[in-house]
Amino acid sequence: MIGDPAVLERIAIEVGLPDEEVRQLLAGDHYAAEVREDEQLAASLAITAVPFFVVDRAIAASGAQPAELLRKLLDRAWAQRSALTTP
């Protein structure tokens, strides 16, 4: 199960993360504040499922999406952001 620290440790080490750093992070709460912030953001955006994609904190898509739709989300966000910053 992905929430099992032993599984997370194995996967992290398999992809090349430093063994001892992985063990220390999994044993501690170094990033707890950041995780809580992410959870609060997800709740404020009414995110209830994964995957969930949020672009520029304004455009979202729920569920597995094809790459082309994600590209359209990025293009839309870029256009909106550019319209706000172009004189």
PDB file of N, CA and C in Angstrom:
ATOM      1  N   MET A   1       0.843  -1.170   0.000  1.00  0.00           N
ATOM      2  CA  MET A   1       0.000   0.000   0.000  1.00  0.00           C
ATOM      3  C   MET A   1       0.890   1.235   0.000  1.00  0.00           C
ATOM      4  N   ILE A   2       0.526   2.251  -0.758  1.00  0.00           N
ATOM      5  CA  ILE A   2       1.363   3.436  -0.930  1.00  0.00           C
ATOM      6  C   ILE A   2       1.540   4.224   0.366  1.00  0.00           C
ATOM      7  N   GLY A   3       0.631   4.122   1.319  1.00  0.00           N
ATOM      8  CA  GLY A   3       0.782   4.823   2.583  1.00  0.00           C
ATOM      9  C   GLY A   3       1.693   4.128   3.573  1.00  0.00           C
ATOM     10  N   ASP A   4       2.150   2.955   3.249  1.00  0.00           N
ATOM     11  CA  ASP A   4       3.030   2.178   4.117  1.00  0.00           C
ATOM     12  C   ASP A   4       4.452   2.742   4.022  1.00  0.00           C
ATOM     13  N   PRO A   5       5.028   3.203   5.136  1.00  0.00           N
ATOM     14  CA  PRO A   5       6.373   3.782   5.081  1.00  0.00           C
ATOM     15  C   PRO A   5       7.416   2.857   4.459  1.00  0.00           C
ATOM     16  N   ALA A   6       7.294   1.562   4.678  1.00  0.00           N
ATOM     17  CA  ALA A   6       8.266   0.628   4.086  1.00  0.00           C
ATOM     18  C   ALA A   6       8.161   0.634   2.563  1.00  0.00           C
ATOM     19  N   VAL A   7       6.941   0.738   2.045  1.00  0.00           N
ATOM     20  CA  VAL A   7       6.735   0.795   0.593  1.00  0.00           C
ATOM     21  C   VAL A   7       7.288   2.108   0.049  1.00  0.00           C
ATOM     22  N   LEU A   8       6.981   3.207   0.730  1.00  0.00           N
ATOM     23  CA  LEU A   8       7.486   4.510   0.298  1.00  0.00           C
ATOM     24  C   LEU A   8       9.010   4.534   0.303  1.00  0.00           C
ATOM     25  N   GLU A   9       9.601   3.967   1.343  1.00  0.00           N
ATOM     26  CA  GLU A   9      11.059   3.918   1.434  1.00  0.00           C
ATOM     27  C   GLU A   9      11.639   3.133   0.256  1.00  0.00           C
ATOM     28  N   ARG A  10      11.077   1.976  -0.011  1.00  0.00           N
ATOM     29  CA  ARG A  10      11.577   1.131  -1.105  1.00  0.00           C
ATOM     30  C   ARG A  10      11.483   1.867  -2.436  1.00  0.00           C
ATOM     31  N   ILE A  11      10.344   2.496  -2.696  1.00  0.00           N
ATOM     32  CA  ILE A  11      10.147   3.196  -3.972  1.00  0.00           C
ATOM     33  C   ILE A  11      11.118   4.369  -4.086  1.00  0.00           C
ATOM     34  N   ALA A  12      11.238   5.143  -3.008  1.00  0.00           N
ATOM     35  CA  ALA A  12      12.132   6.309  -3.035  1.00  0.00           C
ATOM     36  C   ALA A  12      13.567   5.891  -3.315  1.00  0.00           C
ATOM     37  N   ILE A  13      14.011   4.835  -2.672  1.00  0.00           N
ATOM     38  CA  ILE A  13      15.384   4.364  -2.872  1.00  0.00           C
ATOM     39  C   ILE A  13      15.554   3.791  -4.277  1.00  0.00           C
ATOM     40  N   GLU A  14      14.535   3.097  -4.782  1.00  0.00           N
ATOM     41  CA  GLU A  14      14.604   2.534  -6.136  1.00  0.00           C
ATOM     42  C   GLU A  14      14.772   3.624  -7.195  1.00  0.00           C
ATOM     43  N   VAL A  15      14.178   4.803  -6.965  1.00  0.00           N
ATOM     44  CA  VAL A  15      14.298   5.874  -7.957  1.00  0.00           C
ATOM     45  C   VAL A  15      15.526   6.736  -7.727  1.00  0.00           C
ATOM     46  N   GLY A  16      16.358   6.372  -6.729  1.00  0.00           N
ATOM     47  CA  GLY A  16      17.635   7.021  -6.571  1.00  0.00           C
ATOM     48  C   GLY A  16      17.753   8.063  -5.472  1.00  0.00           C
ATOM     49  N   LEU A  17      16.741   8.197  -4.619  1.00  0.00           N
ATOM     50  CA  LEU A  17      16.866   9.144  -3.508  1.00  0.00           C
ATOM     51  C   LEU A  17      17.808   8.565  -2.459  1.00  0.00           C
ATOM     52  N   PRO A  18      18.510   9.431  -1.743  1.00  0.00           N
ATOM     53  CA  PRO A  18      19.485   8.963  -0.743  1.00  0.00           C
ATOM     54  C   PRO A  18      18.819   8.171   0.389  1.00  0.00           C
ATOM     55  N   ASP A  19      19.312   6.978   0.642  1.00  0.00           N
ATOM     56  CA  ASP A  19      18.723   6.063   1.624  1.00  0.00           C
ATOM     57  C   ASP A  19      18.463   6.734   2.975  1.00  0.00           C
ATOM     58  N   GLU A  20      19.510   7.303   3.563  1.00  0.00           N
ATOM     59  CA  GLU A  20      19.392   7.850   4.919  1.00  0.00           C
ATOM     60  C   GLU A  20      18.442   9.043   4.965  1.00  0.00           C
ATOM     61  N   GLU A  21      18.486   9.873   3.943  1.00  0.00           N
ATOM     62  CA  GLU A  21      17.577  11.033   3.900  1.00  0.00           C
ATOM     63  C   GLU A  21      16.125  10.572   3.823  1.00  0.00           C
ATOM     64  N   VAL A  22      15.864   9.568   3.024  1.00  0.00           N
ATOM     65  CA  VAL A  22      14.516   9.002   2.911  1.00  0.00           C
ATOM     66  C   VAL A  22      14.050   8.485   4.270  1.00  0.00           C
ATOM     67  N   ARG A  23      14.900   7.724   4.935  1.00  0.00           N
ATOM     68  CA  ARG A  23      14.524   7.158   6.242  1.00  0.00           C
ATOM     69  C   ARG A  23      14.235   8.262   7.264  1.00  0.00           C
ATOM     70  N   GLN A  24      15.065   9.288   7.284  1.00  0.00           N
ATOM     71  CA  GLN A  24      14.864  10.393   8.229  1.00  0.00           C
ATOM     72  C   GLN A  24      13.551  11.132   7.940  1.00  0.00           C
ATOM     73  N   LEU A  25      13.290  11.393   6.685  1.00  0.00           N
ATOM     74  CA  LEU A  25      12.054  12.105   6.341  1.00  0.00           C
ATOM     75  C   LEU A  25      10.818  11.284   6.697  1.00  0.00           C
ATOM     76  N   LEU A  26      10.861   9.996   6.427  1.00  0.00           N
ATOM     77  CA  LEU A  26       9.710   9.145   6.733  1.00  0.00           C
ATOM     78  C   LEU A  26       9.512   8.966   8.235  1.00  0.00           C
ATOM     79  N   ALA A  27      10.567   9.059   9.000  1.00  0.00           N
ATOM     80  CA  ALA A  27      10.480   8.876  10.453  1.00  0.00           C
ATOM     81  C   ALA A  27      10.087  10.162  11.176  1.00  0.00           C
ATOM     82  N   GLY A  28      10.213  11.295  10.504  1.00  0.00           N
ATOM     83  CA  GLY A  28       9.961  12.566  11.163  1.00  0.00           C
ATOM     84  C   GLY A  28       8.757  13.300  10.601  1.00  0.00           C
ATOM     85  N   ASP A  29       8.703  14.594  10.922  1.00  0.00           N
ATOM     86  CA  ASP A  29       7.594  15.418  10.444  1.00  0.00           C
ATOM     87  C   ASP A  29       8.108  16.729   9.839  1.00  0.00           C
ATOM     88  N   HIS A  30       9.266  16.635   9.190  1.00  0.00           N
ATOM     89  CA  HIS A  30       9.935  17.813   8.640  1.00  0.00           C
ATOM     90  C   HIS A  30       9.033  18.628   7.708  1.00  0.00           C
ATOM     91  N   TYR A  31       8.223  17.994   6.900  1.00  0.00           N
ATOM     92  CA  TYR A  31       7.366  18.690   5.940  1.00  0.00           C
ATOM     93  C   TYR A  31       5.896  18.712   6.363  1.00  0.00           C
ATOM     94  N   ALA A  32       5.630  18.473   7.623  1.00  0.00           N
ATOM     95  CA  ALA A  32       4.243  18.411   8.107  1.00  0.00           C
ATOM     96  C   ALA A  32       3.488  19.704   7.853  1.00  0.00           C
ATOM     97  N   ALA A  33       4.100  20.846   8.097  1.00  0.00           N
ATOM     98  CA  ALA A  33       3.406  22.127   7.896  1.00  0.00           C
ATOM     99  C   ALA A  33       3.022  22.318   6.433  1.00  0.00           C
ATOM    100  N   GLU A  34       3.923  21.959   5.531  1.00  0.00           N
ATOM    101  CA  GLU A  34       3.636  22.090   4.107  1.00  0.00           C
ATOM    102  C   GLU A  34       2.502  21.155   3.685  1.00  0.00           C
ATOM    103  N   VAL A  35       2.506  19.948   4.231  1.00  0.00           N
ATOM    104  CA  VAL A  35       1.441  18.989   3.923  1.00  0.00           C
ATOM    105  C   VAL A  35       0.099  19.525   4.414  1.00  0.00           C
ATOM    106  N   ARG A  36       0.075  20.074   5.630  1.00  0.00           N
ATOM    107  CA  ARG A  36      -1.176  20.639   6.162  1.00  0.00           C
ATOM    108  C   ARG A  36      -1.665  21.788   5.290  1.00  0.00           C
ATOM    109  N   GLU A  37      -0.744  22.630   4.812  1.00  0.00           N
ATOM    110  CA  GLU A  37      -1.113  23.728   3.912  1.00  0.00           C
ATOM    111  C   GLU A  37      -1.721  23.190   2.621  1.00  0.00           C
ATOM    112  N   ASP A  38      -1.111  22.148   2.059  1.00  0.00           N
ATOM    113  CA  ASP A  38      -1.652  21.528   0.845  1.00  0.00           C
ATOM    114  C   ASP A  38      -3.034  20.956   1.098  1.00  0.00           C
ATOM    115  N   GLU A  39      -3.227  20.338   2.251  1.00  0.00           N
ATOM    116  CA  GLU A  39      -4.538  19.780   2.587  1.00  0.00           C
ATOM    117  C   GLU A  39      -5.577  20.889   2.708  1.00  0.00           C
ATOM    118  N   GLN A  40      -5.203  22.002   3.319  1.00  0.00           N
ATOM    119  CA  GLN A  40      -6.134  23.127   3.443  1.00  0.00           C
ATOM    120  C   GLN A  40      -6.460  23.723   2.080  1.00  0.00           C
ATOM    121  N   LEU A  41      -5.474  23.839   1.220  1.00  0.00           N
ATOM    122  CA  LEU A  41      -5.713  24.332  -0.130  1.00  0.00           C
ATOM    123  C   LEU A  41      -6.658  23.401  -0.877  1.00  0.00           C
ATOM    124  N   ALA A  42      -6.412  22.106  -0.778  1.00  0.00           N
ATOM    125  CA  ALA A  42      -7.281  21.135  -1.446  1.00  0.00           C
ATOM    126  C   ALA A  42      -8.714  21.258  -0.942  1.00  0.00           C
ATOM    127  N   ALA A  43      -8.885  21.411   0.357  1.00  0.00           N
ATOM    128  CA  ALA A  43     -10.233  21.560   0.916  1.00  0.00           C
ATOM    129  C   ALA A  43     -10.882  22.849   0.413  1.00  0.00           C
ATOM    130  N   SER A  44     -10.122  23.935   0.335  1.00  0.00           N
ATOM    131  CA  SER A  44     -10.688  25.205  -0.128  1.00  0.00           C
ATOM    132  C   SER A  44     -11.090  25.149  -1.598  1.00  0.00           C
ATOM    133  N   LEU A  45     -10.437  24.268  -2.357  1.00  0.00           N
ATOM    134  CA  LEU A  45     -10.770  24.094  -3.777  1.00  0.00           C
ATOM    135  C   LEU A  45     -11.783  22.968  -4.002  1.00  0.00           C
ATOM    136  N   ALA A  46     -12.283  22.405  -2.896  1.00  0.00           N
ATOM    137  CA  ALA A  46     -13.264  21.310  -2.945  1.00  0.00           C
ATOM    138  C   ALA A  46     -12.722  20.079  -3.666  1.00  0.00           C
ATOM    139  N   ILE A  47     -11.446  19.812  -3.515  1.00  0.00           N
ATOM    140  CA  ILE A  47     -10.838  18.630  -4.117  1.00  0.00           C
ATOM    141  C   ILE A  47     -11.169  17.434  -3.236  1.00  0.00           C
ATOM    142  N   THR A  48     -11.790  16.441  -3.851  1.00  0.00           N
ATOM    143  CA  THR A  48     -12.182  15.253  -3.094  1.00  0.00           C
ATOM    144  C   THR A  48     -11.654  13.961  -3.699  1.00  0.00           C
ATOM    145  N   ALA A  49     -10.929  14.070  -4.805  1.00  0.00           N
ATOM    146  CA  ALA A  49     -10.446  12.859  -5.472  1.00  0.00           C
ATOM    147  C   ALA A  49      -9.078  13.132  -6.083  1.00  0.00           C
ATOM    148  N   VAL A  50      -8.382  12.069  -6.388  1.00  0.00           N
ATOM    149  CA  VAL A  50      -7.108  12.186  -7.086  1.00  0.00           C
ATOM    150  C   VAL A  50      -7.155  11.296  -8.315  1.00  0.00           C
ATOM    151  N   PRO A  51      -6.505  11.645  -9.373  1.00  0.00           N
ATOM    152  CA  PRO A  51      -5.740  12.873  -9.521  1.00  0.00           C
ATOM    153  C   PRO A  51      -6.660  14.083  -9.686  1.00  0.00           C
ATOM    154  N   PHE A  52      -6.125  15.248  -9.368  1.00  0.00           N
ATOM    155  CA  PHE A  52      -6.825  16.524  -9.519  1.00  0.00           C
ATOM    156  C   PHE A  52      -5.763  17.538  -9.904  1.00  0.00           C
ATOM    157  N   PHE A  53      -5.978  18.209 -11.002  1.00  0.00           N
ATOM    158  CA  PHE A  53      -4.999  19.146 -11.534  1.00  0.00           C
ATOM    159  C   PHE A  53      -5.498  20.570 -11.347  1.00  0.00           C
ATOM    160  N   VAL A  54      -4.657  21.428 -10.786  1.00  0.00           N
ATOM    161  CA  VAL A  54      -4.984  22.840 -10.621  1.00  0.00           C
ATOM    162  C   VAL A  54      -3.877  23.635 -11.292  1.00  0.00           C
ATOM    163  N   VAL A  55      -4.270  24.509 -12.193  1.00  0.00           N
ATOM    164  CA  VAL A  55      -3.310  25.331 -12.920  1.00  0.00           C
ATOM    165  C   VAL A  55      -3.510  26.781 -12.500  1.00  0.00           C
ATOM    166  N   ASP A  56      -2.461  27.378 -12.001  1.00  0.00           N
ATOM    167  CA  ASP A  56      -2.462  28.784 -11.605  1.00  0.00           C
ATOM    168  C   ASP A  56      -3.551  29.090 -10.573  1.00  0.00           C
ATOM    169  N   ARG A  57      -3.868  28.100  -9.763  1.00  0.00           N
ATOM    170  CA  ARG A  57      -4.871  28.222  -8.693  1.00  0.00           C
ATOM    171  C   ARG A  57      -6.216  28.724  -9.192  1.00  0.00           C
ATOM    172  N   ALA A  58      -6.487  28.536 -10.491  1.00  0.00           N
ATOM    173  CA  ALA A  58      -7.714  29.084 -11.056  1.00  0.00           C
ATOM    174  C   ALA A  58      -8.458  28.125 -11.983  1.00  0.00           C
ATOM    175  N   ILE A  59      -7.741  27.205 -12.592  1.00  0.00           N
ATOM    176  CA  ILE A  59      -8.338  26.305 -13.572  1.00  0.00           C
ATOM    177  C   ILE A  59      -8.066  24.883 -13.109  1.00  0.00           C
ATOM    178  N   ALA A  60      -9.120  24.046 -13.137  1.00  0.00           N
ATOM    179  CA  ALA A  60      -8.957  22.703 -12.574  1.00  0.00           C
ATOM    180  C   ALA A  60      -9.561  21.631 -13.474  1.00  0.00           C
ATOM    181  N   ALA A  61      -9.058  20.426 -13.282  1.00  0.00           N
ATOM    182  CA  ALA A  61      -9.605  19.242 -13.945  1.00  0.00           C
ATOM    183  C   ALA A  61      -9.492  18.081 -12.969  1.00  0.00           C
ATOM    184  N   SER A  62     -10.568  17.351 -12.844  1.00  0.00           N
ATOM    185  CA  SER A  62     -10.611  16.214 -11.924  1.00  0.00           C
ATOM    186  C   SER A  62     -10.479  14.908 -12.690  1.00  0.00           C
ATOM    187  N   GLY A  63      -9.793  13.961 -12.078  1.00  0.00           N
ATOM    188  CA  GLY A  63      -9.676  12.632 -12.670  1.00  0.00           C
ATOM    189  C   GLY A  63      -8.543  12.536 -13.671  1.00  0.00           C
ATOM    190  N   ALA A  64      -8.331  11.326 -14.140  1.00  0.00           N
ATOM    191  CA  ALA A  64      -7.291  11.087 -15.145  1.00  0.00           C
ATOM    192  C   ALA A  64      -7.687  11.804 -16.429  1.00  0.00           C
ATOM    193  N   GLN A  65      -6.762  12.547 -16.969  1.00  0.00           N
ATOM    194  CA  GLN A  65      -7.042  13.346 -18.165  1.00  0.00           C
ATOM    195  C   GLN A  65      -5.966  13.094 -19.212  1.00  0.00           C
ATOM    196  N   PRO A  66      -6.358  13.161 -20.486  1.00  0.00           N
ATOM    197  CA  PRO A  66      -5.357  12.996 -21.541  1.00  0.00           C
ATOM    198  C   PRO A  66      -4.412  14.200 -21.574  1.00  0.00           C
ATOM    199  N   ALA A  67      -3.235  13.974 -22.071  1.00  0.00           N
ATOM    200  CA  ALA A  67      -2.223  15.027 -22.135  1.00  0.00           C
ATOM    201  C   ALA A  67      -2.738  16.254 -22.886  1.00  0.00           C
ATOM    202  N   GLU A  68      -3.521  16.057 -23.917  1.00  0.00           N
ATOM    203  CA  GLU A  68      -4.027  17.182 -24.705  1.00  0.00           C
ATOM    204  C   GLU A  68      -4.920  18.101 -23.869  1.00  0.00           C
ATOM    205  N   LEU A  69      -5.739  17.529 -22.989  1.00  0.00           N
ATOM    206  CA  LEU A  69      -6.572  18.374 -22.131  1.00  0.00           C
ATOM    207  C   LEU A  69      -5.708  19.155 -21.149  1.00  0.00           C
ATOM    208  N   LEU A  70      -4.702  18.515 -20.592  1.00  0.00           N
ATOM    209  CA  LEU A  70      -3.807  19.213 -19.676  1.00  0.00           C
ATOM    210  C   LEU A  70      -3.076  20.338 -20.404  1.00  0.00           C
ATOM    211  N   ARG A  71      -2.691  20.092 -21.628  1.00  0.00           N
ATOM    212  CA  ARG A  71      -2.054  21.144 -22.446  1.00  0.00           C
ATOM    213  C   ARG A  71      -3.007  22.312 -22.633  1.00  0.00           C
ATOM    214  N   LYS A  72      -4.279  22.037 -22.891  1.00  0.00           N
ATOM    215  CA  LYS A  72      -5.268  23.103 -23.057  1.00  0.00           C
ATOM    216  C   LYS A  72      -5.441  23.901 -21.770  1.00  0.00           C
ATOM    217  N   LEU A  73      -5.407  23.227 -20.627  1.00  0.00           N
ATOM    218  CA  LEU A  73      -5.499  23.935 -19.349  1.00  0.00           C
ATOM    219  C   LEU A  73      -4.323  24.887 -19.186  1.00  0.00           C
ATOM    220  N   LEU A  74      -3.131  24.409 -19.509  1.00  0.00           N
ATOM    221  CA  LEU A  74      -1.941  25.253 -19.407  1.00  0.00           C
ATOM    222  C   LEU A  74      -2.018  26.437 -20.368  1.00  0.00           C
ATOM    223  N   ASP A  75      -2.459  26.181 -21.601  1.00  0.00           N
ATOM    224  CA  ASP A  75      -2.597  27.261 -22.582  1.00  0.00           C
ATOM    225  C   ASP A  75      -3.616  28.296 -22.110  1.00  0.00           C
ATOM    226  N   ARG A  76      -4.724  27.829 -21.566  1.00  0.00           N
ATOM    227  CA  ARG A  76      -5.774  28.734 -21.070  1.00  0.00           C
ATOM    228  C   ARG A  76      -5.249  29.590 -19.909  1.00  0.00           C
ATOM    229  N   ALA A  77      -4.558  28.961 -18.992  1.00  0.00           N
ATOM    230  CA  ALA A  77      -3.998  29.701 -17.857  1.00  0.00           C
ATOM    231  C   ALA A  77      -2.969  30.720 -18.344  1.00  0.00           C
ATOM    232  N   TRP A  78      -2.134  30.321 -19.293  1.00  0.00           N
ATOM    233  CA  TRP A  78      -1.130  31.235 -19.829  1.00  0.00           C
ATOM    234  C   TRP A  78      -1.808  32.442 -20.489  1.00  0.00           C
ATOM    235  N   ALA A  79      -2.850  32.193 -21.258  1.00  0.00           N
ATOM    236  CA  ALA A  79      -3.566  33.282 -21.923  1.00  0.00           C
ATOM    237  C   ALA A  79      -4.199  34.218 -20.900  1.00  0.00           C
ATOM    238  N   GLN A  80      -4.804  33.666 -19.866  1.00  0.00           N
ATOM    239  CA  GLN A  80      -5.425  34.497 -18.835  1.00  0.00           C
ATOM    240  C   GLN A  80      -4.377  35.316 -18.098  1.00  0.00           C
ATOM    241  N   ARG A  81      -3.264  34.693 -17.750  1.00  0.00           N
ATOM    242  CA  ARG A  81      -2.198  35.385 -17.026  1.00  0.00           C
ATOM    243  C   ARG A  81      -1.597  36.469 -17.913  1.00  0.00           C
ATOM    244  N   SER A  82      -1.399  36.169 -19.204  1.00  0.00           N
ATOM    245  CA  SER A  82      -0.822  37.151 -20.124  1.00  0.00           C
ATOM    246  C   SER A  82      -1.745  38.347 -20.294  1.00  0.00           C
ATOM    247  N   ALA A  83      -3.042  38.107 -20.328  1.00  0.00           N
ATOM    248  CA  ALA A  83      -4.011  39.197 -20.481  1.00  0.00           C
ATOM    249  C   ALA A  83      -3.956  40.134 -19.275  1.00  0.00           C
ATOM    250  N   LEU A  84      -3.649  39.596 -18.092  1.00  0.00           N
ATOM    251  CA  LEU A  84      -3.579  40.411 -16.887  1.00  0.00           C
ATOM    252  C   LEU A  84      -2.298  41.240 -16.821  1.00  0.00           C
ATOM    253  N   THR A  85      -1.237  40.753 -17.445  1.00  0.00           N
ATOM    254  CA  THR A  85       0.054  41.419 -17.319  1.00  0.00           C
ATOM    255  C   THR A  85       0.449  42.227 -18.553  1.00  0.00           C
ATOM    256  N   THR A  86      -0.321  42.129 -19.634  1.00  0.00           N
ATOM    257  CA  THR A  86      -0.002  42.871 -20.859  1.00  0.00           C
ATOM    258  C   THR A  86      -0.599  44.270 -20.767  1.00  0.00           C
ATOM    259  N   PRO A  87       0.252  45.297 -20.987  1.00  0.00           N
ATOM    260  CA  PRO A  87      -0.270  46.674 -20.899  1.00  0.00           C
ATOM    261  C   PRO A  87      -1.180  47.034 -22.042  1.00  0.00           C
TER     262      PRO A  87
END
